[in-house]
Amino acid sequence: MRHARCRVRADIPLAPLTSFQIGGPAALLAEPATIAELVELFRLIGEEQAAHFYLGLGTNLLVSDAGIDAVVVRASGDLTGIRSDAEVLHAGPGARLLDLTTHAAVRALSGIEPLSGIPGTVGGGLYMNAGAYGGEIADTFVSADVLSPDLTTLTVEKRDVGFSYRSAPAFRDVIVLNSRYRLARGEQAKIIAEMRRVWKLRRAKQPLEFPSAGSIFKRPPNDFAGRLIEAVDGKGVRVGGALVPHKHAGMFVNTGGATAADVCALVREIRSRVYREFHILLETEVLPIGFKEDPFAIAL
């Protein structure tokens, strides 16, 4: 990556760049600030056949204690921008979801209030169809410009994405360059009140005083991971610095000094308990990064 125009640094600790505050270093951390820099970076990655990972804000993932032997890409500068065109918002892949919802509220645009408390970037939100409290990013999504593996720029329309619960197949193997969301004119006071309601619910139900990666497990069909975990006496179970909190059983936290190994052992313990009791294999929502094998796998 010596010829990359963007900022590139070696052996950078990733724990401070993740919401879990866990993980070893990145072999290289590249921070493109424009679409041109991003495209050029991925051209170089392709030419050098280098392993890479797109980090975003580091939410919804667990980085290995050994780190990532790859080029870790983190958007900056123009790639974090947001602008509006009448009722349509345009967002760069590195824009924070919080900034997107705030931008909409300032302009009295309604439709994305449920996303206001979700940490992470717009690009990451699209990758997993982020949602909460009855709303998903798919609800207002119009289209996105993406960079394909062969470095072709394509426009993906909503009908082509295949959105489903925490899934957006069309974004699995591409890099989002920018995306668009159609909202509706609303009463600003009501929009802000709804955003505050969402934040109040999050503060009341989630252990926001500790670092976490959000929900560890996806919601099983016709049930809730938290209910199953509580039913097997999972609340309060601890491995090292990793804990299943009493406030929200599905949202494991780092109480201080937790390692990725701690979290993985805790995930396996809870998955095993639930499977033994209910014959339900909880599917993880958090993404393990930098591991040679699936660190959450259990014996069935």
C-alpha atoms as a PDB file:
ATOM      1  CA  MET A   1       0.000   0.000   0.000  1.00  0.00           C
ATOM      2  CA  ARG A   2       3.022   2.275  -0.311  1.00  0.00           C
ATOM      3  CA  HIS A   3       1.525   4.108  -3.285  1.00  0.00           C
ATOM      4  CA  ALA A   4      -1.924   4.723  -1.807  1.00  0.00           C
ATOM      5  CA  ARG A   5      -2.940   8.374  -1.756  1.00  0.00           C
ATOM      6  CA  CYS A   6      -4.923   8.007   1.442  1.00  0.00           C
ATOM      7  CA  ARG A   7      -3.525   7.821   4.959  1.00  0.00           C
ATOM      8  CA  VAL A   8      -2.085   4.363   5.729  1.00  0.00           C
ATOM      9  CA  ARG A   9      -0.578   3.327   9.074  1.00  0.00           C
ATOM     10  CA  ALA A  10       0.919   0.052  10.271  1.00  0.00           C
ATOM     11  CA  ASP A  11       0.260  -2.032  13.407  1.00  0.00           C
ATOM     12  CA  ILE A  12      -2.615   0.094  14.719  1.00  0.00           C
ATOM     13  CA  PRO A  13      -4.545  -1.168  17.802  1.00  0.00           C
ATOM     14  CA  LEU A  14      -8.176  -1.789  16.893  1.00  0.00           C
ATOM     15  CA  ALA A  15      -9.712  -2.027  20.376  1.00  0.00           C
ATOM     16  CA  PRO A  16     -10.114   1.775  20.642  1.00  0.00           C
ATOM     17  CA  LEU A  17     -11.825   1.772  17.225  1.00  0.00           C
ATOM     18  CA  THR A  18     -14.499  -0.784  18.161  1.00  0.00           C
ATOM     19  CA  SER A  19     -17.591  -0.395  20.331  1.00  0.00           C
ATOM     20  CA  PHE A  20     -16.605  -3.533  22.285  1.00  0.00           C
ATOM     21  CA  GLN A  21     -13.186  -1.982  23.041  1.00  0.00           C
ATOM     22  CA  ILE A  22     -11.660  -5.390  22.323  1.00  0.00           C
ATOM     23  CA  GLY A  23      -9.186  -6.622  19.744  1.00  0.00           C
ATOM     24  CA  GLY A  24      -5.573  -6.707  18.620  1.00  0.00           C
ATOM     25  CA  PRO A  25      -3.876  -4.589  15.942  1.00  0.00           C
ATOM     26  CA  ALA A  26      -4.481  -4.170  12.237  1.00  0.00           C
ATOM     27  CA  ALA A  27      -1.509  -4.977  10.030  1.00  0.00           C
ATOM     28  CA  LEU A  28      -2.417  -1.829   8.091  1.00  0.00           C
ATOM     29  CA  LEU A  29      -5.103   0.783   8.693  1.00  0.00           C
ATOM     30  CA  ALA A  30      -6.100   2.746   5.582  1.00  0.00           C
ATOM     31  CA  GLU A  31      -8.379   5.788   5.866  1.00  0.00           C
ATOM     32  CA  PRO A  32      -9.592   7.024   2.462  1.00  0.00           C
ATOM     33  CA  ALA A  33     -11.337  10.390   2.561  1.00  0.00           C
ATOM     34  CA  THR A  34     -12.854  10.562  -0.932  1.00  0.00           C
ATOM     35  CA  ILE A  35     -14.460   8.176  -3.409  1.00  0.00           C
ATOM     36  CA  ALA A  36     -11.387   8.533  -5.644  1.00  0.00           C
ATOM     37  CA  GLU A  37      -9.100   7.505  -2.781  1.00  0.00           C
ATOM     38  CA  LEU A  38     -11.386   4.608  -1.899  1.00  0.00           C
ATOM     39  CA  VAL A  39     -11.477   3.289  -5.474  1.00  0.00           C
ATOM     40  CA  GLU A  40      -7.704   3.654  -5.826  1.00  0.00           C
ATOM     41  CA  LEU A  41      -7.141   1.864  -2.524  1.00  0.00           C
ATOM     42  CA  PHE A  42      -9.209  -1.121  -3.617  1.00  0.00           C
ATOM     43  CA  ARG A  43      -7.394  -1.173  -6.961  1.00  0.00           C
ATOM     44  CA  LEU A  44      -4.103  -1.483  -5.067  1.00  0.00           C
ATOM     45  CA  ILE A  45      -5.567  -4.116  -2.744  1.00  0.00           C
ATOM     46  CA  GLY A  46      -6.622  -6.106  -5.803  1.00  0.00           C
ATOM     47  CA  GLU A  47      -3.248  -5.752  -7.522  1.00  0.00           C
ATOM     48  CA  GLU A  48      -1.416  -6.901  -4.402  1.00  0.00           C
ATOM     49  CA  GLN A  49      -4.056  -9.554  -3.654  1.00  0.00           C
ATOM     50  CA  ALA A  50      -4.088  -8.274  -0.099  1.00  0.00           C
ATOM     51  CA  ALA A  51      -6.643  -9.407   2.456  1.00  0.00           C
ATOM     52  CA  HIS A  52      -8.865  -6.551   3.607  1.00  0.00           C
ATOM     53  CA  PHE A  53     -11.706  -5.691   5.950  1.00  0.00           C
ATOM     54  CA  TYR A  54     -14.006  -2.651   5.944  1.00  0.00           C
ATOM     55  CA  LEU A  55     -14.283  -1.464   9.553  1.00  0.00           C
ATOM     56  CA  GLY A  56     -16.791   1.383   9.715  1.00  0.00           C
ATOM     57  CA  LEU A  57     -17.276   2.494  13.328  1.00  0.00           C
ATOM     58  CA  GLY A  58     -16.406  -0.924  14.665  1.00  0.00           C
ATOM     59  CA  THR A  59     -19.869  -1.817  15.945  1.00  0.00           C
ATOM     60  CA  ASN A  60     -21.533  -5.239  15.735  1.00  0.00           C
ATOM     61  CA  LEU A  61     -18.214  -7.072  15.547  1.00  0.00           C
ATOM     62  CA  LEU A  62     -15.619  -8.801  17.682  1.00  0.00           C
ATOM     63  CA  VAL A  63     -11.965  -8.488  16.688  1.00  0.00           C
ATOM     64  CA  SER A  64      -9.610 -11.326  17.565  1.00  0.00           C
ATOM     65  CA  ASP A  65      -7.054 -10.750  20.316  1.00  0.00           C
ATOM     66  CA  ALA A  66      -4.414 -11.453  17.663  1.00  0.00           C
ATOM     67  CA  GLY A  67      -5.792  -8.643  15.520  1.00  0.00           C
ATOM     68  CA  ILE A  68      -6.317  -8.671  11.781  1.00  0.00           C
ATOM     69  CA  ASP A  69      -3.537  -9.588   9.366  1.00  0.00           C
ATOM     70  CA  ALA A  70      -5.064  -7.506   6.613  1.00  0.00           C
ATOM     71  CA  VAL A  71      -5.647  -4.006   5.328  1.00  0.00           C
ATOM     72  CA  VAL A  72      -8.374  -2.560   7.517  1.00  0.00           C
ATOM     73  CA  VAL A  73     -10.283   0.185   5.703  1.00  0.00           C
ATOM     74  CA  ARG A  74     -11.963   2.983   7.656  1.00  0.00           C
ATOM     75  CA  ALA A  75     -13.791   5.793   5.851  1.00  0.00           C
ATOM     76  CA  SER A  76     -13.017   9.410   6.705  1.00  0.00           C
ATOM     77  CA  GLY A  77     -13.459  12.921   5.318  1.00  0.00           C
ATOM     78  CA  ASP A  78     -15.957  13.284   2.479  1.00  0.00           C
ATOM     79  CA  LEU A  79     -17.018   9.647   2.862  1.00  0.00           C
ATOM     80  CA  THR A  80     -18.668  10.555   6.164  1.00  0.00           C
ATOM     81  CA  GLY A  81     -20.768  13.369   4.691  1.00  0.00           C
ATOM     82  CA  ILE A  82     -24.547  13.829   4.537  1.00  0.00           C
ATOM     83  CA  ARG A  83     -26.596  16.184   2.370  1.00  0.00           C
ATOM     84  CA  SER A  84     -30.260  16.613   1.556  1.00  0.00           C
ATOM     85  CA  ASP A  85     -32.112  17.245  -1.682  1.00  0.00           C
ATOM     86  CA  ALA A  86     -35.725  18.084  -0.832  1.00  0.00           C
ATOM     87  CA  GLU A  87     -37.053  14.917   0.887  1.00  0.00           C
ATOM     88  CA  VAL A  88     -34.101  12.740  -0.135  1.00  0.00           C
ATOM     89  CA  LEU A  89     -31.038  12.316   2.078  1.00  0.00           C
ATOM     90  CA  HIS A  90     -27.678  11.401   0.532  1.00  0.00           C
ATOM     91  CA  ALA A  91     -25.114   9.734   2.813  1.00  0.00           C
ATOM     92  CA  GLY A  92     -21.535   8.600   2.492  1.00  0.00           C
ATOM     93  CA  PRO A  93     -20.723   5.070   3.707  1.00  0.00           C
ATOM     94  CA  GLY A  94     -18.875   6.371   6.760  1.00  0.00           C
ATOM     95  CA  ALA A  95     -21.653   8.719   7.889  1.00  0.00           C
ATOM     96  CA  ARG A  96     -22.945   7.868  11.360  1.00  0.00           C
ATOM     97  CA  LEU A  97     -26.553   6.740  11.632  1.00  0.00           C
ATOM     98  CA  LEU A  98     -26.927   9.171  14.528  1.00  0.00           C
ATOM     99  CA  ASP A  99     -25.852  12.040  12.267  1.00  0.00           C
ATOM    100  CA  LEU A 100     -28.253  10.878   9.547  1.00  0.00           C
ATOM    101  CA  THR A 101     -31.245  10.930  11.907  1.00  0.00           C
ATOM    102  CA  THR A 102     -30.190  14.276  13.358  1.00  0.00           C
ATOM    103  CA  HIS A 103     -29.788  15.750   9.872  1.00  0.00           C
ATOM    104  CA  ALA A 104     -33.323  14.615   9.066  1.00  0.00           C
ATOM    105  CA  ALA A 105     -34.787  16.021  12.287  1.00  0.00           C
ATOM    106  CA  VAL A 106     -33.212  19.435  11.733  1.00  0.00           C
ATOM    107  CA  ARG A 107     -34.932  19.547   8.337  1.00  0.00           C
ATOM    108  CA  ALA A 108     -38.270  18.237   9.672  1.00  0.00           C
ATOM    109  CA  LEU A 109     -37.995  15.009   7.668  1.00  0.00           C
ATOM    110  CA  SER A 110     -39.631  11.912   9.109  1.00  0.00           C
ATOM    111  CA  GLY A 111     -39.199   8.174   8.561  1.00  0.00           C
ATOM    112  CA  ILE A 112     -35.916   7.166  10.197  1.00  0.00           C
ATOM    113  CA  GLU A 113     -36.580   8.029  13.833  1.00  0.00           C
ATOM    114  CA  PRO A 114     -36.297   4.339  14.949  1.00  0.00           C
ATOM    115  CA  LEU A 115     -32.664   4.338  13.775  1.00  0.00           C
ATOM    116  CA  SER A 116     -31.691   7.299  15.957  1.00  0.00           C
ATOM    117  CA  GLY A 117     -30.179   5.228  18.751  1.00  0.00           C
ATOM    118  CA  ILE A 118     -28.332   2.671  16.639  1.00  0.00           C
ATOM    119  CA  PRO A 119     -24.544   3.034  16.751  1.00  0.00           C
ATOM    120  CA  GLY A 120     -22.514   2.534  13.617  1.00  0.00           C
ATOM    121  CA  THR A 121     -22.308   3.870  10.099  1.00  0.00           C
ATOM    122  CA  VAL A 122     -24.780   4.054   7.246  1.00  0.00           C
ATOM    123  CA  GLY A 123     -22.668   1.580   5.257  1.00  0.00           C
ATOM    124  CA  GLY A 124     -22.666  -0.890   8.124  1.00  0.00           C
ATOM    125  CA  GLY A 125     -26.371  -0.325   8.657  1.00  0.00           C
ATOM    126  CA  LEU A 126     -27.049  -1.226   5.038  1.00  0.00           C
ATOM    127  CA  TYR A 127     -24.861  -4.332   5.208  1.00  0.00           C
ATOM    128  CA  MET A 128     -27.028  -5.808   7.973  1.00  0.00           C
ATOM    129  CA  ASN A 129     -30.298  -3.938   7.372  1.00  0.00           C
ATOM    130  CA  ALA A 130     -30.038  -2.314  10.798  1.00  0.00           C
ATOM    131  CA  GLY A 131     -33.274  -1.730  12.624  1.00  0.00           C
ATOM    132  CA  ALA A 132     -34.981  -1.208  15.965  1.00  0.00           C
ATOM    133  CA  TYR A 133     -38.377  -0.419  17.458  1.00  0.00           C
ATOM    134  CA  GLY A 134     -40.330  -1.372  14.378  1.00  0.00           C
ATOM    135  CA  GLY A 135     -38.164   0.347  11.780  1.00  0.00           C
ATOM    136  CA  GLU A 136     -35.330  -0.725   9.463  1.00  0.00           C
ATOM    137  CA  ILE A 137     -32.949   1.137   7.210  1.00  0.00           C
ATOM    138  CA  ALA A 138     -34.653  -0.656   4.315  1.00  0.00           C
ATOM    139  CA  ASP A 139     -37.889   1.258   4.984  1.00  0.00           C
ATOM    140  CA  THR A 140     -36.661   4.525   3.469  1.00  0.00           C
ATOM    141  CA  PHE A 141     -33.804   3.251   1.291  1.00  0.00           C
ATOM    142  CA  VAL A 142     -34.018   4.256  -2.373  1.00  0.00           C
ATOM    143  CA  SER A 143     -30.714   3.286  -3.996  1.00  0.00           C
ATOM    144  CA  ALA A 144     -26.962   3.158  -3.541  1.00  0.00           C
ATOM    145  CA  ASP A 145     -23.887   3.503  -5.689  1.00  0.00           C
ATOM    146  CA  VAL A 146     -21.486   0.657  -5.015  1.00  0.00           C
ATOM    147  CA  LEU A 147     -18.052  -0.531  -6.068  1.00  0.00           C
ATOM    148  CA  SER A 148     -18.132  -4.111  -7.341  1.00  0.00           C
ATOM    149  CA  PRO A 149     -15.230  -6.566  -6.880  1.00  0.00           C
ATOM    150  CA  ASP A 150     -14.037  -5.806 -10.421  1.00  0.00           C
ATOM    151  CA  LEU A 151     -13.985  -2.062  -9.532  1.00  0.00           C
ATOM    152  CA  THR A 152     -17.040  -1.240 -11.619  1.00  0.00           C
ATOM    153  CA  THR A 153     -19.358   1.393 -10.172  1.00  0.00           C
ATOM    154  CA  LEU A 154     -22.985   0.204 -10.111  1.00  0.00           C
ATOM    155  CA  THR A 155     -26.268   1.611  -8.876  1.00  0.00           C
ATOM    156  CA  VAL A 156     -28.321  -0.784  -6.749  1.00  0.00           C
ATOM    157  CA  GLU A 157     -32.068  -0.107  -6.486  1.00  0.00           C
ATOM    158  CA  LYS A 158     -34.158  -1.169  -3.498  1.00  0.00           C
ATOM    159  CA  ARG A 159     -35.943  -3.903  -5.440  1.00  0.00           C
ATOM    160  CA  ASP A 160     -32.572  -5.544  -6.169  1.00  0.00           C
ATOM    161  CA  VAL A 161     -31.242  -5.688  -2.597  1.00  0.00           C
ATOM    162  CA  GLY A 162     -33.314  -8.535  -1.159  1.00  0.00           C
ATOM    163  CA  PHE A 163     -33.690  -6.923   2.257  1.00  0.00           C
ATOM    164  CA  SER A 164     -34.787  -9.218   5.091  1.00  0.00           C
ATOM    165  CA  TYR A 165     -34.292  -9.377   8.848  1.00  0.00           C
ATOM    166  CA  ARG A 166     -30.701  -8.220   9.495  1.00  0.00           C
ATOM    167  CA  SER A 167     -29.753  -9.103   5.963  1.00  0.00           C
ATOM    168  CA  ALA A 168     -29.133  -7.277   2.682  1.00  0.00           C
ATOM    169  CA  PRO A 169     -27.609  -9.772   0.221  1.00  0.00           C
ATOM    170  CA  ALA A 170     -26.797  -7.228  -2.490  1.00  0.00           C
ATOM    171  CA  PHE A 171     -24.279  -5.500  -0.207  1.00  0.00           C
ATOM    172  CA  ARG A 172     -22.302  -8.591   0.830  1.00  0.00           C
ATOM    173  CA  ASP A 173     -19.554  -8.385  -1.779  1.00  0.00           C
ATOM    174  CA  VAL A 174     -19.530  -4.714  -2.745  1.00  0.00           C
ATOM    175  CA  ILE A 175     -18.374  -1.435  -1.209  1.00  0.00           C
ATOM    176  CA  VAL A 176     -21.025   1.225  -0.705  1.00  0.00           C
ATOM    177  CA  LEU A 177     -19.925   4.604  -2.085  1.00  0.00           C
ATOM    178  CA  ASN A 178     -23.061   6.556  -1.203  1.00  0.00           C
ATOM    179  CA  SER A 179     -26.732   5.885  -0.604  1.00  0.00           C
ATOM    180  CA  ARG A 180     -30.097   7.669  -0.741  1.00  0.00           C
ATOM    181  CA  TYR A 181     -33.184   7.692   1.511  1.00  0.00           C
ATOM    182  CA  ARG A 182     -36.624   9.148   0.768  1.00  0.00           C
ATOM    183  CA  LEU A 183     -38.338  10.646   3.795  1.00  0.00           C
ATOM    184  CA  ALA A 184     -41.553  12.595   4.319  1.00  0.00           C
ATOM    185  CA  ARG A 185     -42.178  16.111   5.567  1.00  0.00           C
ATOM    186  CA  GLY A 186     -43.280  16.062   9.179  1.00  0.00           C
ATOM    187  CA  GLU A 187     -43.749  18.159  12.268  1.00  0.00           C
ATOM    188  CA  GLN A 188     -40.323  18.741  13.731  1.00  0.00           C
ATOM    189  CA  ALA A 189     -41.493  18.669  17.350  1.00  0.00           C
ATOM    190  CA  LYS A 190     -43.063  15.228  16.834  1.00  0.00           C
ATOM    191  CA  ILE A 191     -39.947  13.920  15.065  1.00  0.00           C
ATOM    192  CA  ILE A 192     -37.690  15.046  17.898  1.00  0.00           C
ATOM    193  CA  ALA A 193     -40.102  13.683  20.499  1.00  0.00           C
ATOM    194  CA  GLU A 194     -40.039  10.268  18.812  1.00  0.00           C
ATOM    195  CA  MET A 195     -36.243  10.294  18.685  1.00  0.00           C
ATOM    196  CA  ARG A 196     -36.137  11.099  22.393  1.00  0.00           C
ATOM    197  CA  ARG A 197     -38.596   8.272  23.091  1.00  0.00           C
ATOM    198  CA  VAL A 198     -36.316   5.828  21.269  1.00  0.00           C
ATOM    199  CA  TRP A 199     -33.282   7.033  23.191  1.00  0.00           C
ATOM    200  CA  LYS A 200     -35.185   6.768  26.493  1.00  0.00           C
ATOM    201  CA  LEU A 201     -36.147   3.167  25.699  1.00  0.00           C
ATOM    202  CA  ARG A 202     -32.550   2.316  24.890  1.00  0.00           C
ATOM    203  CA  ARG A 203     -31.229   3.846  28.089  1.00  0.00           C
ATOM    204  CA  ALA A 204     -33.870   2.020  30.129  1.00  0.00           C
ATOM    205  CA  LYS A 205     -33.402  -1.407  28.526  1.00  0.00           C
ATOM    206  CA  GLN A 206     -29.749  -1.562  27.500  1.00  0.00           C
ATOM    207  CA  PRO A 207     -26.516  -1.514  29.544  1.00  0.00           C
ATOM    208  CA  LEU A 208     -25.118   1.517  27.764  1.00  0.00           C
ATOM    209  CA  GLU A 209     -22.690   2.192  30.616  1.00  0.00           C
ATOM    210  CA  PHE A 210     -20.463  -0.660  29.353  1.00  0.00           C
ATOM    211  CA  PRO A 211     -18.801  -1.252  25.969  1.00  0.00           C
ATOM    212  CA  SER A 212     -20.642  -3.796  23.845  1.00  0.00           C
ATOM    213  CA  ALA A 213     -21.218  -4.853  20.249  1.00  0.00           C
ATOM    214  CA  GLY A 214     -24.994  -4.585  20.499  1.00  0.00           C
ATOM    215  CA  SER A 215     -27.101  -7.707  20.221  1.00  0.00           C
ATOM    216  CA  ILE A 216     -24.963 -10.837  20.232  1.00  0.00           C
ATOM    217  CA  PHE A 217     -27.663 -13.056  18.717  1.00  0.00           C
ATOM    218  CA  LYS A 218     -30.269 -12.699  16.019  1.00  0.00           C
ATOM    219  CA  ARG A 219     -33.887 -13.059  17.031  1.00  0.00           C
ATOM    220  CA  PRO A 220     -34.941 -16.725  16.639  1.00  0.00           C
ATOM    221  CA  PRO A 221     -38.241 -17.400  14.839  1.00  0.00           C
ATOM    222  CA  ASN A 222     -41.256 -16.540  16.985  1.00  0.00           C
ATOM    223  CA  ASP A 223     -39.120 -15.900  20.052  1.00  0.00           C
ATOM    224  CA  PHE A 224     -36.459 -13.638  21.566  1.00  0.00           C
ATOM    225  CA  ALA A 225     -32.852 -14.474  22.356  1.00  0.00           C
ATOM    226  CA  GLY A 226     -33.072 -12.573  25.634  1.00  0.00           C
ATOM    227  CA  ARG A 227     -36.005 -14.667  26.851  1.00  0.00           C
ATOM    228  CA  LEU A 228     -34.212 -17.920  26.058  1.00  0.00           C
ATOM    229  CA  ILE A 229     -31.023 -16.761  27.767  1.00  0.00           C
ATOM    230  CA  GLU A 230     -32.934 -15.696  30.858  1.00  0.00           C
ATOM    231  CA  ALA A 231     -34.743 -19.044  30.908  1.00  0.00           C
ATOM    232  CA  VAL A 232     -31.428 -20.916  31.191  1.00  0.00           C
ATOM    233  CA  ASP A 233     -30.189 -18.646  34.008  1.00  0.00           C
ATOM    234  CA  GLY A 234     -27.845 -16.848  31.650  1.00  0.00           C
ATOM    235  CA  LYS A 235     -28.140 -13.417  33.238  1.00  0.00           C
ATOM    236  CA  GLY A 236     -25.098 -12.666  35.349  1.00  0.00           C
ATOM    237  CA  VAL A 237     -22.912 -15.354  33.775  1.00  0.00           C
ATOM    238  CA  ARG A 238     -19.359 -14.062  33.406  1.00  0.00           C
ATOM    239  CA  VAL A 239     -16.162 -15.185  31.713  1.00  0.00           C
ATOM    240  CA  GLY A 240     -13.246 -12.946  32.609  1.00  0.00           C
ATOM    241  CA  GLY A 241     -14.314  -9.393  31.856  1.00  0.00           C
ATOM    242  CA  ALA A 242     -17.219 -10.456  29.616  1.00  0.00           C
ATOM    243  CA  LEU A 243     -20.664 -10.492  31.213  1.00  0.00           C
ATOM    244  CA  VAL A 244     -24.282 -11.277  30.379  1.00  0.00           C
ATOM    245  CA  PRO A 245     -25.895  -8.246  32.065  1.00  0.00           C
ATOM    246  CA  HIS A 246     -29.108  -8.413  34.039  1.00  0.00           C
ATOM    247  CA  LYS A 247     -30.418  -5.361  32.180  1.00  0.00           C
ATOM    248  CA  HIS A 248     -30.371  -6.981  28.722  1.00  0.00           C
ATOM    249  CA  ALA A 249     -29.494 -10.668  28.418  1.00  0.00           C
ATOM    250  CA  GLY A 250     -28.916 -10.508  24.659  1.00  0.00           C
ATOM    251  CA  MET A 251     -26.318  -7.738  24.826  1.00  0.00           C
ATOM    252  CA  PHE A 252     -23.050  -9.022  26.315  1.00  0.00           C
ATOM    253  CA  VAL A 253     -20.757  -6.336  27.759  1.00  0.00           C
ATOM    254  CA  ASN A 254     -17.107  -5.663  28.473  1.00  0.00           C
ATOM    255  CA  THR A 255     -16.956  -4.811  32.171  1.00  0.00           C
ATOM    256  CA  GLY A 256     -13.286  -3.924  31.864  1.00  0.00           C
ATOM    257  CA  GLY A 257     -10.337  -5.781  30.420  1.00  0.00           C
ATOM    258  CA  ALA A 258     -12.405  -8.380  28.586  1.00  0.00           C
ATOM    259  CA  THR A 259     -10.619 -10.232  25.801  1.00  0.00           C
ATOM    260  CA  ALA A 260     -12.055 -11.656  22.617  1.00  0.00           C
ATOM    261  CA  ALA A 261     -11.376 -15.094  24.088  1.00  0.00           C
ATOM    262  CA  ASP A 262     -13.565 -14.176  27.081  1.00  0.00           C
ATOM    263  CA  VAL A 263     -16.432 -13.135  24.833  1.00  0.00           C
ATOM    264  CA  CYS A 264     -16.144 -16.234  22.641  1.00  0.00           C
ATOM    265  CA  ALA A 265     -16.197 -18.539  25.667  1.00  0.00           C
ATOM    266  CA  LEU A 266     -19.246 -16.715  27.032  1.00  0.00           C
ATOM    267  CA  VAL A 267     -21.064 -16.964  23.688  1.00  0.00           C
ATOM    268  CA  ARG A 268     -20.350 -20.693  23.488  1.00  0.00           C
ATOM    269  CA  GLU A 269     -21.546 -21.247  27.056  1.00  0.00           C
ATOM    270  CA  ILE A 270     -24.856 -19.449  26.456  1.00  0.00           C
ATOM    271  CA  ARG A 271     -25.431 -21.096  23.076  1.00  0.00           C
ATOM    272  CA  SER A 272     -24.789 -24.503  24.646  1.00  0.00           C
ATOM    273  CA  ARG A 273     -27.218 -23.877  27.513  1.00  0.00           C
ATOM    274  CA  VAL A 274     -29.982 -22.740  25.184  1.00  0.00           C
ATOM    275  CA  TYR A 275     -29.429 -25.641  22.792  1.00  0.00           C
ATOM    276  CA  ARG A 276     -29.452 -28.221  25.565  1.00  0.00           C
ATOM    277  CA  GLU A 277     -32.643 -26.826  27.052  1.00  0.00           C
ATOM    278  CA  PHE A 278     -34.647 -25.845  23.960  1.00  0.00           C
ATOM    279  CA  HIS A 279     -32.852 -27.482  20.978  1.00  0.00           C
ATOM    280  CA  ILE A 280     -32.576 -24.001  19.461  1.00  0.00           C
ATOM    281  CA  LEU A 281     -29.194 -22.986  18.073  1.00  0.00           C
ATOM    282  CA  LEU A 282     -28.948 -19.227  18.524  1.00  0.00           C
ATOM    283  CA  GLU A 283     -27.496 -17.577  15.437  1.00  0.00           C
ATOM    284  CA  THR A 284     -24.914 -14.910  16.192  1.00  0.00           C
ATOM    285  CA  GLU A 285     -25.445 -11.385  14.939  1.00  0.00           C
ATOM    286  CA  VAL A 286     -22.043 -10.062  15.990  1.00  0.00           C
ATOM    287  CA  LEU A 287     -19.341 -10.716  13.365  1.00  0.00           C
ATOM    288  CA  PRO A 288     -16.097 -12.423  14.460  1.00  0.00           C
ATOM    289  CA  ILE A 289     -13.124 -10.843  12.670  1.00  0.00           C
ATOM    290  CA  GLY A 290      -9.553 -12.119  12.484  1.00  0.00           C
ATOM    291  CA  PHE A 291     -10.272 -15.682  13.643  1.00  0.00           C
ATOM    292  CA  LYS A 292      -9.021 -18.733  11.710  1.00  0.00           C
ATOM    293  CA  GLU A 293     -12.091 -20.778  12.675  1.00  0.00           C
ATOM    294  CA  ASP A 294     -15.595 -19.994  13.890  1.00  0.00           C
ATOM    295  CA  PRO A 295     -14.967 -18.999  17.527  1.00  0.00           C
ATOM    296  CA  PHE A 296     -18.653 -19.349  18.428  1.00  0.00           C
ATOM    297  CA  ALA A 297     -19.109 -22.954  17.272  1.00  0.00           C
ATOM    298  CA  ILE A 298     -20.419 -25.478  19.802  1.00  0.00           C
ATOM    299  CA  ALA A 299     -20.716 -29.251  19.846  1.00  0.00           C
ATOM    300  CA  LEU A 300     -24.278 -30.315  19.019  1.00  0.00           C
END
